[in-house]
Amino acid sequence: MDLEVQGSLIKAVEQYGKDNVMVILGSPDADSADIYAETVTMGDPTYAGPLAGVALGLQVYHVLEDEIKAIVPEEIYQEQIGIMELSLDKDGICEMMKTARARAL
């Protein structure tokens, strides 16, 4: 997650409060989703960005998870995300996201 995005997340939390900010990832694999999830929950694991040592504790999901699919209109989901669901390791990504959320508690 680049430094600009990390900075934007801090500003969003300051403006809206952490309970009103949710991060939805679109990472193409489980490993990158895990790193991004850790960054927005427990802080930047590389200690290089604005979130180094900053545990925002944000809610984080991947766009392929059923919780997100359920709130996006079906036509839009299929148009924008459907091909990802077919071509990526959805099960692996979703399992990693569950693990990342549990680790952040």
N, C-alpha and C. Protein backbone atom coordinates (compact mmCIF):
# COMPACT_ATOMS: atom_id res chain seq x y z
N MET A 1 0.86 -1.16 0.00
CA MET A 1 0.00 0.00 0.00
C MET A 1 0.91 1.22 0.00
N ASP A 2 0.69 2.08 -0.99
CA ASP A 2 1.62 3.20 -1.11
C ASP A 2 1.39 4.25 -0.01
N LEU A 3 2.36 5.13 0.11
CA LEU A 3 2.37 6.11 1.19
C LEU A 3 1.19 7.08 1.10
N GLU A 4 0.80 7.43 -0.11
CA GLU A 4 -0.32 8.35 -0.29
C GLU A 4 -1.63 7.74 0.21
N VAL A 5 -1.85 6.48 -0.11
CA VAL A 5 -3.06 5.80 0.36
C VAL A 5 -3.06 5.70 1.88
N GLN A 6 -1.92 5.37 2.46
CA GLN A 6 -1.83 5.30 3.92
C GLN A 6 -2.18 6.65 4.54
N GLY A 7 -1.65 7.71 3.98
CA GLY A 7 -1.96 9.05 4.48
C GLY A 7 -3.44 9.38 4.34
N SER A 8 -4.04 8.98 3.23
CA SER A 8 -5.47 9.22 3.01
C SER A 8 -6.32 8.48 4.03
N LEU A 9 -5.89 7.28 4.39
CA LEU A 9 -6.63 6.51 5.39
C LEU A 9 -6.59 7.20 6.75
N ILE A 10 -5.43 7.71 7.12
CA ILE A 10 -5.32 8.43 8.39
C ILE A 10 -6.26 9.63 8.39
N LYS A 11 -6.28 10.38 7.30
CA LYS A 11 -7.16 11.55 7.20
C LYS A 11 -8.63 11.14 7.28
N ALA A 12 -8.99 10.05 6.62
CA ALA A 12 -10.38 9.58 6.66
C ALA A 12 -10.79 9.19 8.07
N VAL A 13 -9.90 8.53 8.79
CA VAL A 13 -10.19 8.14 10.17
C VAL A 13 -10.31 9.37 11.05
N GLU A 14 -9.45 10.34 10.86
CA GLU A 14 -9.52 11.58 11.64
C GLU A 14 -10.83 12.32 11.37
N GLN A 15 -11.27 12.31 10.12
CA GLN A 15 -12.48 13.05 9.74
C GLN A 15 -13.76 12.31 10.12
N TYR A 16 -13.80 10.99 9.90
CA TYR A 16 -15.05 10.24 10.05
C TYR A 16 -15.07 9.30 11.25
N GLY A 17 -13.92 9.00 11.83
CA GLY A 17 -13.82 8.04 12.92
C GLY A 17 -13.64 6.63 12.37
N LYS A 18 -12.88 5.82 13.09
CA LYS A 18 -12.54 4.49 12.56
C LYS A 18 -13.76 3.59 12.40
N ASP A 19 -14.81 3.82 13.18
CA ASP A 19 -16.00 2.99 13.05
C ASP A 19 -16.79 3.30 11.80
N ASN A 20 -16.46 4.38 11.12
CA ASN A 20 -17.17 4.78 9.90
C ASN A 20 -16.32 4.63 8.64
N VAL A 21 -15.19 3.94 8.76
CA VAL A 21 -14.31 3.72 7.62
C VAL A 21 -14.12 2.22 7.44
N MET A 22 -14.34 1.76 6.22
CA MET A 22 -14.11 0.35 5.88
C MET A 22 -13.20 0.32 4.66
N VAL A 23 -12.24 -0.59 4.68
CA VAL A 23 -11.33 -0.74 3.55
C VAL A 23 -11.75 -1.98 2.77
N ILE A 24 -11.91 -1.81 1.47
CA ILE A 24 -12.23 -2.92 0.59
C ILE A 24 -11.06 -3.09 -0.37
N LEU A 25 -10.42 -4.23 -0.27
CA LEU A 25 -9.24 -4.52 -1.08
C LEU A 25 -9.62 -5.20 -2.39
N GLY A 26 -8.75 -5.08 -3.37
CA GLY A 26 -8.92 -5.78 -4.63
C GLY A 26 -7.65 -6.51 -5.03
N SER A 27 -6.85 -6.86 -4.05
CA SER A 27 -5.56 -7.51 -4.29
C SER A 27 -5.74 -8.81 -5.08
N PRO A 28 -4.79 -9.11 -5.98
CA PRO A 28 -4.94 -10.29 -6.83
C PRO A 28 -4.55 -11.62 -6.19
N ASP A 29 -3.98 -11.58 -4.98
CA ASP A 29 -3.58 -12.84 -4.34
C ASP A 29 -3.68 -12.71 -2.82
N ALA A 30 -3.67 -13.86 -2.16
CA ALA A 30 -3.85 -13.91 -0.71
C ALA A 30 -2.72 -13.21 0.04
N ASP A 31 -1.49 -13.36 -0.43
CA ASP A 31 -0.36 -12.75 0.28
C ASP A 31 -0.42 -11.23 0.30
N SER A 32 -0.71 -10.63 -0.84
CA SER A 32 -0.79 -9.17 -0.86
C SER A 32 -2.00 -8.68 -0.07
N ALA A 33 -3.11 -9.41 -0.14
CA ALA A 33 -4.28 -9.04 0.65
C ALA A 33 -3.95 -9.08 2.14
N ASP A 34 -3.17 -10.05 2.55
CA ASP A 34 -2.79 -10.18 3.95
C ASP A 34 -1.94 -8.99 4.41
N ILE A 35 -0.99 -8.59 3.59
CA ILE A 35 -0.13 -7.45 3.94
C ILE A 35 -0.95 -6.17 4.04
N TYR A 36 -1.83 -5.95 3.07
CA TYR A 36 -2.67 -4.74 3.10
C TYR A 36 -3.61 -4.76 4.29
N ALA A 37 -4.18 -5.93 4.58
CA ALA A 37 -5.08 -6.03 5.74
C ALA A 37 -4.33 -5.73 7.03
N GLU A 38 -3.12 -6.25 7.15
CA GLU A 38 -2.31 -5.97 8.34
C GLU A 38 -2.00 -4.48 8.44
N THR A 39 -1.73 -3.85 7.32
CA THR A 39 -1.40 -2.43 7.31
C THR A 39 -2.54 -1.59 7.86
N VAL A 40 -3.78 -1.88 7.47
CA VAL A 40 -4.92 -1.05 7.89
C VAL A 40 -5.49 -1.45 9.24
N THR A 41 -5.06 -2.57 9.77
CA THR A 41 -5.54 -2.98 11.09
C THR A 41 -4.48 -2.76 12.16
N MET A 42 -3.29 -3.29 11.94
CA MET A 42 -2.25 -3.27 12.98
C MET A 42 -1.10 -2.32 12.69
N GLY A 43 -1.05 -1.75 11.48
CA GLY A 43 0.03 -0.83 11.13
C GLY A 43 0.90 -1.39 10.03
N ASP A 44 1.62 -0.52 9.36
CA ASP A 44 2.48 -0.90 8.24
C ASP A 44 3.59 -1.84 8.70
N PRO A 45 3.55 -3.10 8.23
CA PRO A 45 4.57 -4.06 8.67
C PRO A 45 5.96 -3.76 8.15
N THR A 46 6.06 -2.89 7.14
CA THR A 46 7.38 -2.53 6.62
C THR A 46 7.98 -1.35 7.37
N TYR A 47 7.19 -0.72 8.22
CA TYR A 47 7.61 0.46 8.98
C TYR A 47 8.15 1.57 8.08
N ALA A 48 7.57 1.68 6.85
CA ALA A 48 8.06 2.67 5.91
C ALA A 48 7.06 3.80 5.66
N GLY A 49 5.79 3.58 5.97
CA GLY A 49 4.79 4.56 5.63
C GLY A 49 4.19 5.26 6.82
N PRO A 50 3.21 6.14 6.58
CA PRO A 50 2.55 6.87 7.64
C PRO A 50 1.86 5.96 8.67
N LEU A 51 1.55 4.73 8.29
CA LEU A 51 0.91 3.81 9.23
C LEU A 51 1.91 2.94 9.99
N ALA A 52 3.19 3.24 9.89
CA ALA A 52 4.19 2.50 10.66
C ALA A 52 3.92 2.69 12.15
N GLY A 53 3.63 1.61 12.83
CA GLY A 53 3.35 1.67 14.26
C GLY A 53 1.99 2.24 14.61
N VAL A 54 1.14 2.47 13.60
CA VAL A 54 -0.19 3.05 13.83
C VAL A 54 -1.24 1.97 13.57
N ALA A 55 -1.85 1.49 14.63
CA ALA A 55 -2.87 0.45 14.51
C ALA A 55 -4.24 1.11 14.39
N LEU A 56 -4.71 1.27 13.15
CA LEU A 56 -6.00 1.92 12.94
C LEU A 56 -7.17 1.01 13.32
N GLY A 57 -6.97 -0.30 13.24
CA GLY A 57 -8.04 -1.23 13.59
C GLY A 57 -9.26 -1.13 12.69
N LEU A 58 -9.04 -0.83 11.42
CA LEU A 58 -10.15 -0.65 10.49
C LEU A 58 -10.77 -1.98 10.07
N GLN A 59 -12.04 -1.92 9.73
CA GLN A 59 -12.68 -3.08 9.12
C GLN A 59 -12.07 -3.25 7.74
N VAL A 60 -11.78 -4.48 7.36
CA VAL A 60 -11.16 -4.71 6.06
C VAL A 60 -11.74 -5.98 5.44
N TYR A 61 -12.11 -5.84 4.17
CA TYR A 61 -12.67 -6.95 3.40
C TYR A 61 -12.05 -6.94 2.02
N HIS A 62 -12.17 -8.06 1.34
CA HIS A 62 -11.76 -8.14 -0.06
C HIS A 62 -13.01 -8.10 -0.91
N VAL A 63 -12.91 -7.49 -2.06
CA VAL A 63 -14.06 -7.33 -2.94
C VAL A 63 -14.67 -8.68 -3.36
N LEU A 64 -13.91 -9.76 -3.27
CA LEU A 64 -14.42 -11.08 -3.63
C LEU A 64 -15.20 -11.76 -2.50
N GLU A 65 -15.15 -11.20 -1.31
CA GLU A 65 -15.85 -11.84 -0.19
C GLU A 65 -17.36 -11.68 -0.33
N ASP A 66 -18.07 -12.69 0.12
CA ASP A 66 -19.53 -12.71 0.00
C ASP A 66 -20.18 -11.52 0.70
N GLU A 67 -19.60 -11.04 1.80
CA GLU A 67 -20.15 -9.89 2.51
C GLU A 67 -20.20 -8.65 1.62
N ILE A 68 -19.21 -8.49 0.77
CA ILE A 68 -19.16 -7.35 -0.13
C ILE A 68 -20.04 -7.61 -1.35
N LYS A 69 -19.97 -8.81 -1.88
CA LYS A 69 -20.79 -9.15 -3.04
C LYS A 69 -22.28 -8.93 -2.74
N ALA A 70 -22.68 -9.19 -1.51
CA ALA A 70 -24.08 -9.08 -1.13
C ALA A 70 -24.59 -7.63 -1.14
N ILE A 71 -23.70 -6.67 -1.02
CA ILE A 71 -24.15 -5.27 -0.96
C ILE A 71 -23.95 -4.51 -2.27
N VAL A 72 -23.32 -5.15 -3.24
CA VAL A 72 -23.12 -4.52 -4.55
C VAL A 72 -24.20 -5.04 -5.49
N PRO A 73 -24.88 -4.15 -6.20
CA PRO A 73 -25.88 -4.62 -7.16
C PRO A 73 -25.27 -5.65 -8.12
N GLU A 74 -25.98 -6.72 -8.36
CA GLU A 74 -25.47 -7.86 -9.15
C GLU A 74 -24.92 -7.42 -10.50
N GLU A 75 -25.61 -6.56 -11.20
CA GLU A 75 -25.17 -6.13 -12.53
C GLU A 75 -23.82 -5.42 -12.46
N ILE A 76 -23.67 -4.56 -11.48
CA ILE A 76 -22.41 -3.83 -11.31
C ILE A 76 -21.30 -4.79 -10.88
N TYR A 77 -21.61 -5.69 -9.97
CA TYR A 77 -20.61 -6.66 -9.52
C TYR A 77 -20.09 -7.47 -10.70
N GLN A 78 -20.99 -7.98 -11.50
CA GLN A 78 -20.57 -8.80 -12.64
C GLN A 78 -19.78 -7.99 -13.66
N GLU A 79 -20.19 -6.78 -13.89
CA GLU A 79 -19.51 -5.92 -14.86
C GLU A 79 -18.11 -5.55 -14.40
N GLN A 80 -17.96 -5.23 -13.13
CA GLN A 80 -16.69 -4.70 -12.61
C GLN A 80 -15.79 -5.74 -11.96
N ILE A 81 -16.38 -6.79 -11.38
CA ILE A 81 -15.61 -7.72 -10.55
C ILE A 81 -15.71 -9.17 -10.99
N GLY A 82 -16.76 -9.49 -11.72
CA GLY A 82 -17.06 -10.87 -12.07
C GLY A 82 -15.90 -11.66 -12.63
N ILE A 83 -15.12 -11.07 -13.52
CA ILE A 83 -14.00 -11.79 -14.12
C ILE A 83 -12.93 -12.12 -13.07
N MET A 84 -12.77 -11.23 -12.08
CA MET A 84 -11.81 -11.50 -11.01
C MET A 84 -12.23 -12.74 -10.23
N GLU A 85 -13.53 -12.85 -10.01
CA GLU A 85 -14.05 -13.98 -9.23
C GLU A 85 -13.73 -15.31 -9.93
N LEU A 86 -13.72 -15.27 -11.26
CA LEU A 86 -13.45 -16.49 -12.03
C LEU A 86 -11.96 -16.78 -12.18
N SER A 87 -11.13 -15.73 -12.20
CA SER A 87 -9.72 -15.94 -12.53
C SER A 87 -8.78 -15.97 -11.33
N LEU A 88 -9.21 -15.44 -10.19
CA LEU A 88 -8.33 -15.42 -9.01
C LEU A 88 -8.68 -16.55 -8.05
N ASP A 89 -7.81 -16.79 -7.10
CA ASP A 89 -8.04 -17.80 -6.07
C ASP A 89 -8.95 -17.22 -4.99
N LYS A 90 -10.24 -17.16 -5.30
CA LYS A 90 -11.21 -16.55 -4.39
C LYS A 90 -11.17 -17.21 -3.02
N ASP A 91 -11.18 -18.53 -2.98
CA ASP A 91 -11.19 -19.24 -1.69
C ASP A 91 -9.96 -18.91 -0.86
N GLY A 92 -8.80 -18.89 -1.48
CA GLY A 92 -7.57 -18.58 -0.77
C GLY A 92 -7.55 -17.16 -0.25
N ILE A 93 -8.00 -16.22 -1.08
CA ILE A 93 -8.04 -14.82 -0.67
C ILE A 93 -9.02 -14.63 0.48
N CYS A 94 -10.21 -15.21 0.36
CA CYS A 94 -11.23 -15.05 1.40
C CYS A 94 -10.80 -15.68 2.71
N GLU A 95 -10.14 -16.82 2.63
CA GLU A 95 -9.65 -17.47 3.86
C GLU A 95 -8.57 -16.61 4.52
N MET A 96 -7.68 -16.04 3.72
CA MET A 96 -6.63 -15.19 4.26
C MET A 96 -7.24 -13.95 4.92
N MET A 97 -8.27 -13.39 4.33
CA MET A 97 -8.91 -12.21 4.91
C MET A 97 -9.55 -12.55 6.26
N LYS A 98 -10.17 -13.70 6.37
CA LYS A 98 -10.75 -14.12 7.66
C LYS A 98 -9.65 -14.27 8.70
N THR A 99 -8.55 -14.86 8.29
CA THR A 99 -7.41 -15.03 9.20
C THR A 99 -6.85 -13.67 9.62
N ALA A 100 -6.73 -12.75 8.67
CA ALA A 100 -6.19 -11.42 8.97
C ALA A 100 -7.10 -10.67 9.95
N ARG A 101 -8.40 -10.77 9.75
CA ARG A 101 -9.33 -10.09 10.67
C ARG A 101 -9.26 -10.70 12.06
N ALA A 102 -9.16 -12.01 12.14
CA ALA A 102 -9.07 -12.68 13.45
C ALA A 102 -7.78 -12.30 14.17
N ARG A 103 -6.70 -12.18 13.43
CA ARG A 103 -5.39 -11.82 13.99
C ARG A 103 -5.42 -10.39 14.54
N ALA A 104 -6.20 -9.54 13.91
CA ALA A 104 -6.23 -8.14 14.30
C ALA A 104 -7.09 -7.86 15.54
N LEU A 105 -7.87 -8.84 15.95
CA LEU A 105 -8.73 -8.62 17.12
C LEU A 105 -7.95 -8.46 18.38
